[in-house]
Amino acid sequence: MAPRTFTLASRASQLAQIQTNIVVAELEARFPPAAEASPRFATSFMSTAGDRNQSQALYLLGGKALWTKDLEVALKEGSVDMLVHSLKDVPTVLPDGCVIGAILEREDPVDSLVVKAGKEWKSLEDLPAGSVVGTSSVRRVAQLRRNFPELKFLDVRGNLNTRMAKLDAPDGPYAALILAKSGMVRLGMGDRLTADIQPPTLFHAVSQGALAVEIRSDDAEALELCKMLTHRQTEWSCLAERACLRVLEGGCSVPVGVSTKLDLKGGELELTGCVTSLDGGLHVQHTLKEKVGSVGDAEAVGARLATILIETGAGAILADINKDRAQRVVEAEAAETGKETAVQ
């Protein structure tokens, strides 16, 4: 019987393809292609709804399923066997029949400043008042407005290459961008990173820097392969963060930031979470440090942290954010309808 070929799928962006090939390389290191009995690995890349809609801000487009739903349809239909995601883009509740099979070792999850080519600025503090900083993340904007009220923040969409071209355009509005360090490093653009922005100035996104492999829950062979890829410290840390976000019911456009320290030998998890209003005026932050002995323990810490945040003001902040988003979606739909009517 011929060995099975597993097809790994992801988005079609250059970064997504690099990340998929990282996973393929990890698998082939354990199952060399030259070995007769080794499973085989193929790749498939496709455009998702989040890739196709580059005109609207992520804040108005909705949740993380924009990046995963089209891929999950292919997975459930059986045309592909594994999905490779940036874990930060994966909804905290998966469709029936889908599970996270593996979480690979995390790259540095920090956000970084990248300044326009030719400029000598070395930090956010160096940017002149009124400088425009590009980011598509309301989490970053909300937190940075607290400490840098003199800066302006402008949405910037597209893959990393597109965003960098917009930054460096001589007539472009951006003085700098805020980007995930992990993506820039994986793209081989780490030399453009100007400075890391560490907590407490900026808490990173849930699961940022980690790659995940999503599979069908009934695919026992794929699950066995995935077990070999999972990095336990990353898994516990990211699942604790995701549990916090799940209770907060936040999507990729909600300003929830985290920072995690995990000592597996000592069994101690330190998890900090924060929720910030869109204007940066309100900020709720709390840290839990507890002993953990399993993934379940780590997730329970994340859930408890979320409850504390909600009870100490985050619930009201999130309610206001959801109300604001709903109103702006209505306004955007009305404007679009007006355009269509004018054309007719």
C-alpha atoms as a PDB file:
ATOM      1  CA  MET A   1       0.000   0.000   0.000  1.00  0.00           C
ATOM      2  CA  ALA A   2       1.421   3.380  -1.033  1.00  0.00           C
ATOM      3  CA  PRO A   3       2.117   5.862   1.767  1.00  0.00           C
ATOM      4  CA  ARG A   4      -0.505   8.542   2.228  1.00  0.00           C
ATOM      5  CA  THR A   5       0.040  12.037   0.856  1.00  0.00           C
ATOM      6  CA  PHE A   6      -1.040  14.801   3.246  1.00  0.00           C
ATOM      7  CA  THR A   7      -1.918  18.126   1.621  1.00  0.00           C
ATOM      8  CA  LEU A   8      -1.134  21.182   3.753  1.00  0.00           C
ATOM      9  CA  ALA A   9      -3.101  24.312   2.834  1.00  0.00           C
ATOM     10  CA  SER A  10      -2.884  27.975   3.782  1.00  0.00           C
ATOM     11  CA  ARG A  11      -3.500  31.447   2.463  1.00  0.00           C
ATOM     12  CA  ALA A  12      -1.694  32.424  -0.724  1.00  0.00           C
ATOM     13  CA  SER A  13       0.390  35.279   0.700  1.00  0.00           C
ATOM     14  CA  GLN A  14       4.164  34.959   0.648  1.00  0.00           C
ATOM     15  CA  LEU A  15       4.310  34.808   4.453  1.00  0.00           C
ATOM     16  CA  ALA A  16       1.617  32.111   4.626  1.00  0.00           C
ATOM     17  CA  GLN A  17       3.497  30.027   2.048  1.00  0.00           C
ATOM     18  CA  ILE A  18       6.752  30.399   3.990  1.00  0.00           C
ATOM     19  CA  GLN A  19       4.984  29.321   7.172  1.00  0.00           C
ATOM     20  CA  THR A  20       3.457  26.299   5.434  1.00  0.00           C
ATOM     21  CA  ASN A  21       6.854  25.287   4.118  1.00  0.00           C
ATOM     22  CA  ILE A  22       8.243  25.567   7.660  1.00  0.00           C
ATOM     23  CA  VAL A  23       5.699  22.977   8.781  1.00  0.00           C
ATOM     24  CA  VAL A  24       6.422  20.749   5.766  1.00  0.00           C
ATOM     25  CA  ALA A  25      10.138  20.910   6.579  1.00  0.00           C
ATOM     26  CA  GLU A  26       9.442  19.912  10.196  1.00  0.00           C
ATOM     27  CA  LEU A  27       7.403  16.926   9.005  1.00  0.00           C
ATOM     28  CA  GLU A  28       9.942  15.844   6.406  1.00  0.00           C
ATOM     29  CA  ALA A  29      12.699  16.038   9.015  1.00  0.00           C
ATOM     30  CA  ARG A  30      10.823  13.333  10.907  1.00  0.00           C
ATOM     31  CA  PHE A  31       9.692  11.453   7.805  1.00  0.00           C
ATOM     32  CA  PRO A  32      12.441  11.776   5.160  1.00  0.00           C
ATOM     33  CA  PRO A  33      10.997  11.740   1.613  1.00  0.00           C
ATOM     34  CA  ALA A  34      13.637   9.198   0.579  1.00  0.00           C
ATOM     35  CA  ALA A  35      12.273   6.620   3.015  1.00  0.00           C
ATOM     36  CA  GLU A  36       9.900   4.283   1.202  1.00  0.00           C
ATOM     37  CA  ALA A  37       7.340   4.052   3.996  1.00  0.00           C
ATOM     38  CA  SER A  38       7.312   7.787   4.837  1.00  0.00           C
ATOM     39  CA  PRO A  39       4.114   9.741   4.261  1.00  0.00           C
ATOM     40  CA  ARG A  40       4.308  12.359   1.543  1.00  0.00           C
ATOM     41  CA  PHE A  41       3.494  16.057   1.921  1.00  0.00           C
ATOM     42  CA  ALA A  42       2.048  18.444  -0.653  1.00  0.00           C
ATOM     43  CA  THR A  43       0.909  22.077  -0.423  1.00  0.00           C
ATOM     44  CA  SER A  44      -2.094  24.066  -1.625  1.00  0.00           C
ATOM     45  CA  PHE A  45      -2.571  27.832  -1.378  1.00  0.00           C
ATOM     46  CA  MET A  46      -5.776  29.838  -1.724  1.00  0.00           C
ATOM     47  CA  SER A  47      -7.184  33.329  -1.300  1.00  0.00           C
ATOM     48  CA  THR A  48      -9.501  33.915   1.675  1.00  0.00           C
ATOM     49  CA  ALA A  49     -12.215  36.497   2.302  1.00  0.00           C
ATOM     50  CA  GLY A  50      -9.789  38.557   4.389  1.00  0.00           C
ATOM     51  CA  ASP A  51      -7.307  38.612   1.504  1.00  0.00           C
ATOM     52  CA  ARG A  52      -9.933  39.569  -1.083  1.00  0.00           C
ATOM     53  CA  ASN A  53     -11.347  42.532   0.847  1.00  0.00           C
ATOM     54  CA  GLN A  54      -8.532  45.072   1.145  1.00  0.00           C
ATOM     55  CA  SER A  55     -10.723  48.178   1.121  1.00  0.00           C
ATOM     56  CA  GLN A  56     -12.328  48.075   4.582  1.00  0.00           C
ATOM     57  CA  ALA A  57     -10.676  48.307   7.976  1.00  0.00           C
ATOM     58  CA  LEU A  58     -10.415  44.989   9.810  1.00  0.00           C
ATOM     59  CA  TYR A  59     -12.284  46.574  12.698  1.00  0.00           C
ATOM     60  CA  LEU A  60     -15.431  46.713  10.519  1.00  0.00           C
ATOM     61  CA  LEU A  61     -15.035  43.408   8.720  1.00  0.00           C
ATOM     62  CA  GLY A  62     -15.744  41.168  11.674  1.00  0.00           C
ATOM     63  CA  GLY A  63     -13.972  38.234  13.256  1.00  0.00           C
ATOM     64  CA  LYS A  64     -11.030  36.021  12.511  1.00  0.00           C
ATOM     65  CA  ALA A  65     -13.045  33.603  10.355  1.00  0.00           C
ATOM     66  CA  LEU A  66     -12.235  35.980   7.487  1.00  0.00           C
ATOM     67  CA  TRP A  67      -8.831  34.283   7.326  1.00  0.00           C
ATOM     68  CA  THR A  68      -9.883  30.686   8.026  1.00  0.00           C
ATOM     69  CA  LYS A  69     -13.416  29.903   6.811  1.00  0.00           C
ATOM     70  CA  ASP A  70     -12.583  29.259   3.139  1.00  0.00           C
ATOM     71  CA  LEU A  71      -9.707  27.013   4.165  1.00  0.00           C
ATOM     72  CA  GLU A  72     -11.892  25.113   6.623  1.00  0.00           C
ATOM     73  CA  VAL A  73     -14.447  24.367   3.891  1.00  0.00           C
ATOM     74  CA  ALA A  74     -11.684  22.648   1.893  1.00  0.00           C
ATOM     75  CA  LEU A  75     -10.526  20.790   5.008  1.00  0.00           C
ATOM     76  CA  LYS A  76     -13.991  19.487   5.873  1.00  0.00           C
ATOM     77  CA  GLU A  77     -14.618  18.476   2.261  1.00  0.00           C
ATOM     78  CA  GLY A  78     -11.424  16.413   2.363  1.00  0.00           C
ATOM     79  CA  SER A  79      -9.647  18.159  -0.504  1.00  0.00           C
ATOM     80  CA  VAL A  80      -6.848  19.102   1.930  1.00  0.00           C
ATOM     81  CA  ASP A  81      -5.672  17.446   5.142  1.00  0.00           C
ATOM     82  CA  MET A  82      -3.985  20.112   7.262  1.00  0.00           C
ATOM     83  CA  LEU A  83      -4.323  23.887   7.507  1.00  0.00           C
ATOM     84  CA  VAL A  84      -1.364  26.027   8.534  1.00  0.00           C
ATOM     85  CA  HIS A  85      -2.329  29.232  10.325  1.00  0.00           C
ATOM     86  CA  SER A  86      -0.819  32.037  12.288  1.00  0.00           C
ATOM     87  CA  LEU A  87      -2.522  31.038  15.525  1.00  0.00           C
ATOM     88  CA  LYS A  88      -3.433  34.650  16.298  1.00  0.00           C
ATOM     89  CA  ASP A  89      -5.748  34.550  13.237  1.00  0.00           C
ATOM     90  CA  VAL A  90      -7.639  31.432  14.378  1.00  0.00           C
ATOM     91  CA  PRO A  91     -11.033  31.933  16.088  1.00  0.00           C
ATOM     92  CA  THR A  92     -11.137  30.680  19.665  1.00  0.00           C
ATOM     93  CA  VAL A  93     -14.102  28.447  18.765  1.00  0.00           C
ATOM     94  CA  LEU A  94     -13.556  26.165  15.759  1.00  0.00           C
ATOM     95  CA  PRO A  95     -16.231  24.686  13.469  1.00  0.00           C
ATOM     96  CA  ASP A  96     -17.580  21.258  14.400  1.00  0.00           C
ATOM     97  CA  GLY A  97     -15.254  18.560  13.149  1.00  0.00           C
ATOM     98  CA  CYS A  98     -12.118  20.725  13.265  1.00  0.00           C
ATOM     99  CA  VAL A  99      -9.408  20.801  15.941  1.00  0.00           C
ATOM    100  CA  ILE A 100      -5.991  22.356  16.489  1.00  0.00           C
ATOM    101  CA  GLY A 101      -3.678  19.376  16.038  1.00  0.00           C
ATOM    102  CA  ALA A 102      -0.328  21.088  16.605  1.00  0.00           C
ATOM    103  CA  ILE A 103       1.142  24.333  17.900  1.00  0.00           C
ATOM    104  CA  LEU A 104       4.774  24.822  16.900  1.00  0.00           C
ATOM    105  CA  GLU A 105       7.462  26.594  18.907  1.00  0.00           C
ATOM    106  CA  ARG A 106       6.709  30.270  19.106  1.00  0.00           C
ATOM    107  CA  GLU A 107       8.803  33.020  17.596  1.00  0.00           C
ATOM    108  CA  ASP A 108       9.204  36.204  19.658  1.00  0.00           C
ATOM    109  CA  PRO A 109       5.578  37.442  19.965  1.00  0.00           C
ATOM    110  CA  VAL A 110       6.492  41.110  20.416  1.00  0.00           C
ATOM    111  CA  ASP A 111       5.333  43.935  18.130  1.00  0.00           C
ATOM    112  CA  SER A 112       8.027  46.063  16.487  1.00  0.00           C
ATOM    113  CA  LEU A 113       8.451  49.560  15.089  1.00  0.00           C
ATOM    114  CA  VAL A 114       9.574  49.849  11.454  1.00  0.00           C
ATOM    115  CA  VAL A 115      10.436  53.377  10.252  1.00  0.00           C
ATOM    116  CA  LYS A 116      10.419  54.740   6.715  1.00  0.00           C
ATOM    117  CA  ALA A 117      13.588  53.965   4.744  1.00  0.00           C
ATOM    118  CA  GLY A 118      16.223  56.664   5.115  1.00  0.00           C
ATOM    119  CA  LYS A 119      14.883  58.083   8.374  1.00  0.00           C
ATOM    120  CA  GLU A 120      17.033  58.112  11.503  1.00  0.00           C
ATOM    121  CA  TRP A 121      14.289  57.656  14.092  1.00  0.00           C
ATOM    122  CA  LYS A 122      15.046  54.810  16.517  1.00  0.00           C
ATOM    123  CA  SER A 123      11.901  54.631  18.653  1.00  0.00           C
ATOM    124  CA  LEU A 124       8.330  55.859  18.961  1.00  0.00           C
ATOM    125  CA  GLU A 125       9.630  58.582  21.270  1.00  0.00           C
ATOM    126  CA  ASP A 126      11.802  59.901  18.407  1.00  0.00           C
ATOM    127  CA  LEU A 127       8.897  60.428  15.999  1.00  0.00           C
ATOM    128  CA  PRO A 128       7.927  64.101  15.597  1.00  0.00           C
ATOM    129  CA  ALA A 129       4.506  65.160  16.861  1.00  0.00           C
ATOM    130  CA  GLY A 130       1.858  64.541  14.209  1.00  0.00           C
ATOM    131  CA  SER A 131       3.757  61.656  12.605  1.00  0.00           C
ATOM    132  CA  VAL A 132       1.507  59.032  11.002  1.00  0.00           C
ATOM    133  CA  VAL A 133       1.963  55.460  12.229  1.00  0.00           C
ATOM    134  CA  GLY A 134       0.366  52.699  10.156  1.00  0.00           C
ATOM    135  CA  THR A 135      -1.308  49.610  11.628  1.00  0.00           C
ATOM    136  CA  SER A 136      -4.494  47.659  10.945  1.00  0.00           C
ATOM    137  CA  SER A 137      -4.803  46.617  14.603  1.00  0.00           C
ATOM    138  CA  VAL A 138      -7.117  48.483  16.958  1.00  0.00           C
ATOM    139  CA  ARG A 139      -5.305  46.736  19.836  1.00  0.00           C
ATOM    140  CA  ARG A 140      -2.075  48.520  18.915  1.00  0.00           C
ATOM    141  CA  VAL A 141      -3.766  51.847  18.294  1.00  0.00           C
ATOM    142  CA  ALA A 142      -5.732  51.765  21.542  1.00  0.00           C
ATOM    143  CA  GLN A 143      -2.698  50.942  23.686  1.00  0.00           C
ATOM    144  CA  LEU A 144      -0.288  53.322  21.950  1.00  0.00           C
ATOM    145  CA  ARG A 145      -2.690  56.263  22.122  1.00  0.00           C
ATOM    146  CA  ARG A 146      -2.342  56.065  25.905  1.00  0.00           C
ATOM    147  CA  ASN A 147       1.375  56.845  25.826  1.00  0.00           C
ATOM    148  CA  PHE A 148       1.749  58.684  22.515  1.00  0.00           C
ATOM    149  CA  PRO A 149      -1.245  61.040  22.151  1.00  0.00           C
ATOM    150  CA  GLU A 150       0.797  63.307  19.861  1.00  0.00           C
ATOM    151  CA  LEU A 151       1.030  60.627  17.140  1.00  0.00           C
ATOM    152  CA  LYS A 152      -1.573  59.893  14.456  1.00  0.00           C
ATOM    153  CA  PHE A 153      -2.608  56.346  13.568  1.00  0.00           C
ATOM    154  CA  LEU A 154      -3.808  55.311  10.116  1.00  0.00           C
ATOM    155  CA  ASP A 155      -5.102  51.965   8.883  1.00  0.00           C
ATOM    156  CA  VAL A 156      -2.804  50.066   6.508  1.00  0.00           C
ATOM    157  CA  ARG A 157      -3.899  46.840   4.763  1.00  0.00           C
ATOM    158  CA  GLY A 158      -2.212  44.289   2.533  1.00  0.00           C
ATOM    159  CA  ASN A 159       0.468  41.662   2.955  1.00  0.00           C
ATOM    160  CA  LEU A 160       3.783  42.637   4.524  1.00  0.00           C
ATOM    161  CA  ASN A 161       5.459  43.412   1.200  1.00  0.00           C
ATOM    162  CA  THR A 162       2.571  45.713   0.266  1.00  0.00           C
ATOM    163  CA  ARG A 163       2.658  47.459   3.638  1.00  0.00           C
ATOM    164  CA  MET A 164       6.408  48.000   3.410  1.00  0.00           C
ATOM    165  CA  ALA A 165       6.010  49.500  -0.078  1.00  0.00           C
ATOM    166  CA  LYS A 166       3.362  51.885   1.283  1.00  0.00           C
ATOM    167  CA  LEU A 167       5.693  52.843   4.147  1.00  0.00           C
ATOM    168  CA  ASP A 168       8.689  53.581   1.936  1.00  0.00           C
ATOM    169  CA  ALA A 169       6.805  55.423  -0.818  1.00  0.00           C
ATOM    170  CA  PRO A 170       8.331  58.956  -0.883  1.00  0.00           C
ATOM    171  CA  ASP A 171       4.879  60.526  -1.130  1.00  0.00           C
ATOM    172  CA  GLY A 172       3.281  58.090   1.313  1.00  0.00           C
ATOM    173  CA  PRO A 173       1.762  59.336   4.569  1.00  0.00           C
ATOM    174  CA  TYR A 174       3.456  56.878   6.900  1.00  0.00           C
ATOM    175  CA  ALA A 175       6.462  57.716   9.069  1.00  0.00           C
ATOM    176  CA  ALA A 176       6.468  54.215  10.539  1.00  0.00           C
ATOM    177  CA  LEU A 177       4.534  50.961  10.848  1.00  0.00           C
ATOM    178  CA  ILE A 178       3.859  48.674  13.798  1.00  0.00           C
ATOM    179  CA  LEU A 179       4.241  45.030  12.743  1.00  0.00           C
ATOM    180  CA  ALA A 180       4.562  41.609  14.361  1.00  0.00           C
ATOM    181  CA  LYS A 181       8.262  40.833  14.681  1.00  0.00           C
ATOM    182  CA  SER A 182       7.713  37.139  13.905  1.00  0.00           C
ATOM    183  CA  GLY A 183       6.294  37.766  10.431  1.00  0.00           C
ATOM    184  CA  MET A 184       9.112  40.106   9.467  1.00  0.00           C
ATOM    185  CA  VAL A 185      11.722  37.588  10.642  1.00  0.00           C
ATOM    186  CA  ARG A 186      10.089  34.713   8.750  1.00  0.00           C
ATOM    187  CA  LEU A 187      10.012  36.840   5.600  1.00  0.00           C
ATOM    188  CA  GLY A 188      13.730  37.536   5.935  1.00  0.00           C
ATOM    189  CA  MET A 189      13.097  41.235   6.603  1.00  0.00           C
ATOM    190  CA  GLY A 190      14.358  41.319  10.180  1.00  0.00           C
ATOM    191  CA  ASP A 191      16.966  43.907   9.173  1.00  0.00           C
ATOM    192  CA  ARG A 192      14.164  46.469   8.739  1.00  0.00           C
ATOM    193  CA  LEU A 193      13.022  46.180  12.346  1.00  0.00           C
ATOM    194  CA  THR A 194      13.810  49.430  14.146  1.00  0.00           C
ATOM    195  CA  ALA A 195      12.831  48.639  17.740  1.00  0.00           C
ATOM    196  CA  ASP A 196      10.765  46.122  19.697  1.00  0.00           C
ATOM    197  CA  ILE A 197       7.867  47.582  21.668  1.00  0.00           C
ATOM    198  CA  GLN A 198       7.677  45.578  24.857  1.00  0.00           C
ATOM    199  CA  PRO A 199       4.988  45.416  27.570  1.00  0.00           C
ATOM    200  CA  PRO A 200       3.799  47.445  29.370  1.00  0.00           C
ATOM    201  CA  THR A 201       3.999  49.954  26.476  1.00  0.00           C
ATOM    202  CA  LEU A 202       2.367  47.446  24.112  1.00  0.00           C
ATOM    203  CA  PHE A 203       0.968  44.029  25.008  1.00  0.00           C
ATOM    204  CA  HIS A 204       0.971  41.648  22.040  1.00  0.00           C
ATOM    205  CA  ALA A 205      -1.967  39.822  20.438  1.00  0.00           C
ATOM    206  CA  VAL A 206      -3.198  36.493  21.737  1.00  0.00           C
ATOM    207  CA  SER A 207      -1.037  33.648  20.320  1.00  0.00           C
ATOM    208  CA  GLN A 208       1.077  36.057  18.251  1.00  0.00           C
ATOM    209  CA  GLY A 209       4.247  34.444  16.897  1.00  0.00           C
ATOM    210  CA  ALA A 210       2.940  30.852  16.955  1.00  0.00           C
ATOM    211  CA  LEU A 211       2.026  28.612  14.027  1.00  0.00           C
ATOM    212  CA  ALA A 212      -0.841  26.144  14.338  1.00  0.00           C
ATOM    213  CA  VAL A 213      -1.962  23.159  12.306  1.00  0.00           C
ATOM    214  CA  GLU A 214      -5.723  22.599  12.056  1.00  0.00           C
ATOM    215  CA  ILE A 215      -7.023  19.135  11.113  1.00  0.00           C
ATOM    216  CA  ARG A 216     -10.247  17.151  10.956  1.00  0.00           C
ATOM    217  CA  SER A 217     -11.084  15.768  14.397  1.00  0.00           C
ATOM    218  CA  ASP A 218     -11.596  12.263  12.979  1.00  0.00           C
ATOM    219  CA  ASP A 219      -8.248  12.121  11.139  1.00  0.00           C
ATOM    220  CA  ALA A 220      -6.237   9.919  13.500  1.00  0.00           C
ATOM    221  CA  GLU A 221      -3.221   9.716  11.169  1.00  0.00           C
ATOM    222  CA  ALA A 222      -2.920  13.498  10.889  1.00  0.00           C
ATOM    223  CA  LEU A 223      -3.275  13.846  14.650  1.00  0.00           C
ATOM    224  CA  GLU A 224      -0.363  11.459  15.243  1.00  0.00           C
ATOM    225  CA  LEU A 225       1.822  13.505  12.907  1.00  0.00           C
ATOM    226  CA  CYS A 226       0.796  16.722  14.647  1.00  0.00           C
ATOM    227  CA  LYS A 227       1.728  15.401  18.075  1.00  0.00           C
ATOM    228  CA  MET A 228       5.342  15.298  16.904  1.00  0.00           C
ATOM    229  CA  LEU A 229       5.260  19.004  16.009  1.00  0.00           C
ATOM    230  CA  THR A 230       3.733  20.454  19.170  1.00  0.00           C
ATOM    231  CA  HIS A 231       5.986  22.518  21.438  1.00  0.00           C
ATOM    232  CA  ARG A 232       4.603  22.060  24.948  1.00  0.00           C
ATOM    233  CA  GLN A 233       5.611  25.425  26.417  1.00  0.00           C
ATOM    234  CA  THR A 234       4.148  27.283  23.439  1.00  0.00           C
ATOM    235  CA  GLU A 235       0.997  25.155  23.538  1.00  0.00           C
ATOM    236  CA  TRP A 236       0.292  25.842  27.212  1.00  0.00           C
ATOM    237  CA  SER A 237       1.037  29.559  26.895  1.00  0.00           C
ATOM    238  CA  CYS A 238      -1.054  30.091  23.761  1.00  0.00           C
ATOM    239  CA  LEU A 239      -4.005  28.037  24.977  1.00  0.00           C
ATOM    240  CA  ALA A 240      -4.034  30.041  28.218  1.00  0.00           C
ATOM    241  CA  GLU A 241      -4.133  33.252  26.174  1.00  0.00           C
ATOM    242  CA  ARG A 242      -6.857  31.866  23.874  1.00  0.00           C
ATOM    243  CA  ALA A 243      -8.962  30.842  26.883  1.00  0.00           C
ATOM    244  CA  CYS A 244      -8.776  34.416  28.149  1.00  0.00           C
ATOM    245  CA  LEU A 245      -9.839  35.789  24.775  1.00  0.00           C
ATOM    246  CA  ARG A 246     -12.635  33.216  24.440  1.00  0.00           C
ATOM    247  CA  VAL A 247     -14.236  34.401  27.686  1.00  0.00           C
ATOM    248  CA  LEU A 248     -13.803  38.037  26.660  1.00  0.00           C
ATOM    249  CA  GLU A 249     -15.447  37.125  23.327  1.00  0.00           C
ATOM    250  CA  GLY A 250     -12.914  39.193  21.445  1.00  0.00           C
ATOM    251  CA  GLY A 251     -12.046  38.917  17.764  1.00  0.00           C
ATOM    252  CA  CYS A 252      -8.931  39.977  15.905  1.00  0.00           C
ATOM    253  CA  SER A 253     -10.160  43.580  15.920  1.00  0.00           C
ATOM    254  CA  VAL A 254     -10.759  43.878  19.662  1.00  0.00           C
ATOM    255  CA  PRO A 255      -8.062  45.619  21.744  1.00  0.00           C
ATOM    256  CA  VAL A 256      -7.118  42.679  23.974  1.00  0.00           C
ATOM    257  CA  GLY A 257      -3.394  42.392  24.729  1.00  0.00           C
ATOM    258  CA  VAL A 258      -1.479  39.724  26.630  1.00  0.00           C
ATOM    259  CA  SER A 259       1.948  38.749  27.909  1.00  0.00           C
ATOM    260  CA  THR A 260       2.872  35.283  29.177  1.00  0.00           C
ATOM    261  CA  LYS A 261       5.721  33.755  31.151  1.00  0.00           C
ATOM    262  CA  LEU A 262       5.719  30.000  31.719  1.00  0.00           C
ATOM    263  CA  ASP A 263       8.196  27.968  33.744  1.00  0.00           C
ATOM    264  CA  LEU A 264       7.416  24.348  32.881  1.00  0.00           C
ATOM    265  CA  LYS A 265       9.960  22.936  35.352  1.00  0.00           C
ATOM    266  CA  GLY A 266       8.569  24.948  38.213  1.00  0.00           C
ATOM    267  CA  GLY A 267       5.033  24.649  36.937  1.00  0.00           C
ATOM    268  CA  GLU A 268       4.326  28.378  37.243  1.00  0.00           C
ATOM    269  CA  LEU A 269       2.362  30.438  34.735  1.00  0.00           C
ATOM    270  CA  GLU A 270       2.311  34.252  34.826  1.00  0.00           C
ATOM    271  CA  LEU A 271      -0.339  35.683  32.504  1.00  0.00           C
ATOM    272  CA  THR A 272      -1.093  39.379  32.037  1.00  0.00           C
ATOM    273  CA  GLY A 273      -4.095  40.589  30.065  1.00  0.00           C
ATOM    274  CA  CYS A 274      -5.420  44.027  29.218  1.00  0.00           C
ATOM    275  CA  VAL A 275      -8.369  45.641  27.464  1.00  0.00           C
ATOM    276  CA  THR A 276      -8.158  49.240  26.258  1.00  0.00           C
ATOM    277  CA  SER A 277     -10.809  51.612  24.939  1.00  0.00           C
ATOM    278  CA  LEU A 278     -10.445  52.710  21.329  1.00  0.00           C
ATOM    279  CA  ASP A 279      -9.381  56.229  22.303  1.00  0.00           C
ATOM    280  CA  GLY A 280      -6.858  54.914  24.829  1.00  0.00           C
ATOM    281  CA  GLY A 281      -8.640  56.705  27.660  1.00  0.00           C
ATOM    282  CA  LEU A 282      -9.633  53.600  29.608  1.00  0.00           C
ATOM    283  CA  HIS A 283      -7.305  50.695  30.296  1.00  0.00           C
ATOM    284  CA  VAL A 284      -7.933  47.620  32.436  1.00  0.00           C
ATOM    285  CA  GLN A 285      -4.982  45.338  33.203  1.00  0.00           C
ATOM    286  CA  HIS A 286      -4.429  42.417  35.548  1.00  0.00           C
ATOM    287  CA  THR A 287      -1.852  39.673  36.139  1.00  0.00           C
ATOM    288  CA  LEU A 288      -2.337  36.161  37.509  1.00  0.00           C
ATOM    289  CA  LYS A 289       0.553  33.968  38.652  1.00  0.00           C
ATOM    290  CA  GLU A 290      -0.431  30.395  39.438  1.00  0.00           C
ATOM    291  CA  LYS A 291       0.901  26.848  39.536  1.00  0.00           C
ATOM    292  CA  VAL A 292      -0.156  24.724  36.553  1.00  0.00           C
ATOM    293  CA  GLY A 293       0.325  21.046  35.811  1.00  0.00           C
ATOM    294  CA  SER A 294      -1.572  20.591  32.566  1.00  0.00           C
ATOM    295  CA  VAL A 295      -2.984  22.345  29.525  1.00  0.00           C
ATOM    296  CA  GLY A 296      -6.330  22.395  31.297  1.00  0.00           C
ATOM    297  CA  ASP A 297      -4.816  24.200  34.273  1.00  0.00           C
ATOM    298  CA  ALA A 298      -3.278  26.798  31.957  1.00  0.00           C
ATOM    299  CA  GLU A 299      -6.601  27.369  30.182  1.00  0.00           C
ATOM    300  CA  ALA A 300      -8.343  27.745  33.541  1.00  0.00           C
ATOM    301  CA  VAL A 301      -5.903  30.529  34.481  1.00  0.00           C
ATOM    302  CA  GLY A 302      -6.728  32.314  31.226  1.00  0.00           C
ATOM    303  CA  ALA A 303     -10.460  32.023  31.847  1.00  0.00           C
ATOM    304  CA  ARG A 304     -10.107  33.330  35.409  1.00  0.00           C
ATOM    305  CA  LEU A 305      -8.052  36.271  34.193  1.00  0.00           C
ATOM    306  CA  ALA A 306     -10.748  37.183  31.678  1.00  0.00           C
ATOM    307  CA  THR A 307     -13.416  37.092  34.385  1.00  0.00           C
ATOM    308  CA  ILE A 308     -11.368  39.419  36.580  1.00  0.00           C
ATOM    309  CA  LEU A 309     -10.860  41.821  33.659  1.00  0.00           C
ATOM    310  CA  ILE A 310     -14.573  41.852  32.889  1.00  0.00           C
ATOM    311  CA  GLU A 311     -15.482  42.502  36.520  1.00  0.00           C
ATOM    312  CA  THR A 312     -12.973  45.350  36.830  1.00  0.00           C
ATOM    313  CA  GLY A 313     -14.087  47.360  33.812  1.00  0.00           C
ATOM    314  CA  ALA A 314     -13.245  45.445  30.637  1.00  0.00           C
ATOM    315  CA  GLY A 315     -16.849  44.335  30.169  1.00  0.00           C
ATOM    316  CA  ALA A 316     -18.021  47.941  29.839  1.00  0.00           C
ATOM    317  CA  ILE A 317     -15.154  48.780  27.452  1.00  0.00           C
ATOM    318  CA  LEU A 318     -15.975  45.819  25.185  1.00  0.00           C
ATOM    319  CA  ALA A 319     -19.682  46.671  25.231  1.00  0.00           C
ATOM    320  CA  ASP A 320     -18.885  50.208  24.047  1.00  0.00           C
ATOM    321  CA  ILE A 321     -16.557  48.870  21.352  1.00  0.00           C
ATOM    322  CA  ASN A 322     -19.193  46.456  20.032  1.00  0.00           C
ATOM    323  CA  LYS A 323     -21.777  49.261  20.011  1.00  0.00           C
ATOM    324  CA  ASP A 324     -19.375  51.525  18.127  1.00  0.00           C
ATOM    325  CA  ARG A 325     -18.573  48.815  15.589  1.00  0.00           C
ATOM    326  CA  ALA A 326     -22.259  48.056  14.974  1.00  0.00           C
ATOM    327  CA  GLN A 327     -22.964  51.743  14.347  1.00  0.00           C
ATOM    328  CA  ARG A 328     -20.032  52.131  11.968  1.00  0.00           C
ATOM    329  CA  VAL A 329     -21.012  48.982  10.056  1.00  0.00           C
ATOM    330  CA  VAL A 330     -24.505  50.418   9.581  1.00  0.00           C
ATOM    331  CA  GLU A 331     -23.006  53.695   8.357  1.00  0.00           C
ATOM    332  CA  ALA A 332     -20.650  51.888   5.982  1.00  0.00           C
ATOM    333  CA  GLU A 333     -23.495  49.784   4.554  1.00  0.00           C
ATOM    334  CA  ALA A 334     -25.638  52.896   4.107  1.00  0.00           C
ATOM    335  CA  ALA A 335     -22.805  54.652   2.280  1.00  0.00           C
ATOM    336  CA  GLU A 336     -22.327  51.626   0.010  1.00  0.00           C
ATOM    337  CA  THR A 337     -26.054  51.522  -0.732  1.00  0.00           C
ATOM    338  CA  GLY A 338     -25.945  55.216  -1.569  1.00  0.00           C
ATOM    339  CA  LYS A 339     -23.130  54.599  -4.052  1.00  0.00           C
ATOM    340  CA  GLU A 340     -25.052  51.783  -5.735  1.00  0.00           C
ATOM    341  CA  THR A 341     -28.180  53.943  -5.973  1.00  0.00           C
ATOM    342  CA  ALA A 342     -26.193  56.797  -7.519  1.00  0.00           C
ATOM    343  CA  VAL A 343     -24.739  54.454 -10.144  1.00  0.00           C
ATOM    344  CA  GLN A 344     -28.175  53.154 -11.065  1.00  0.00           C
END
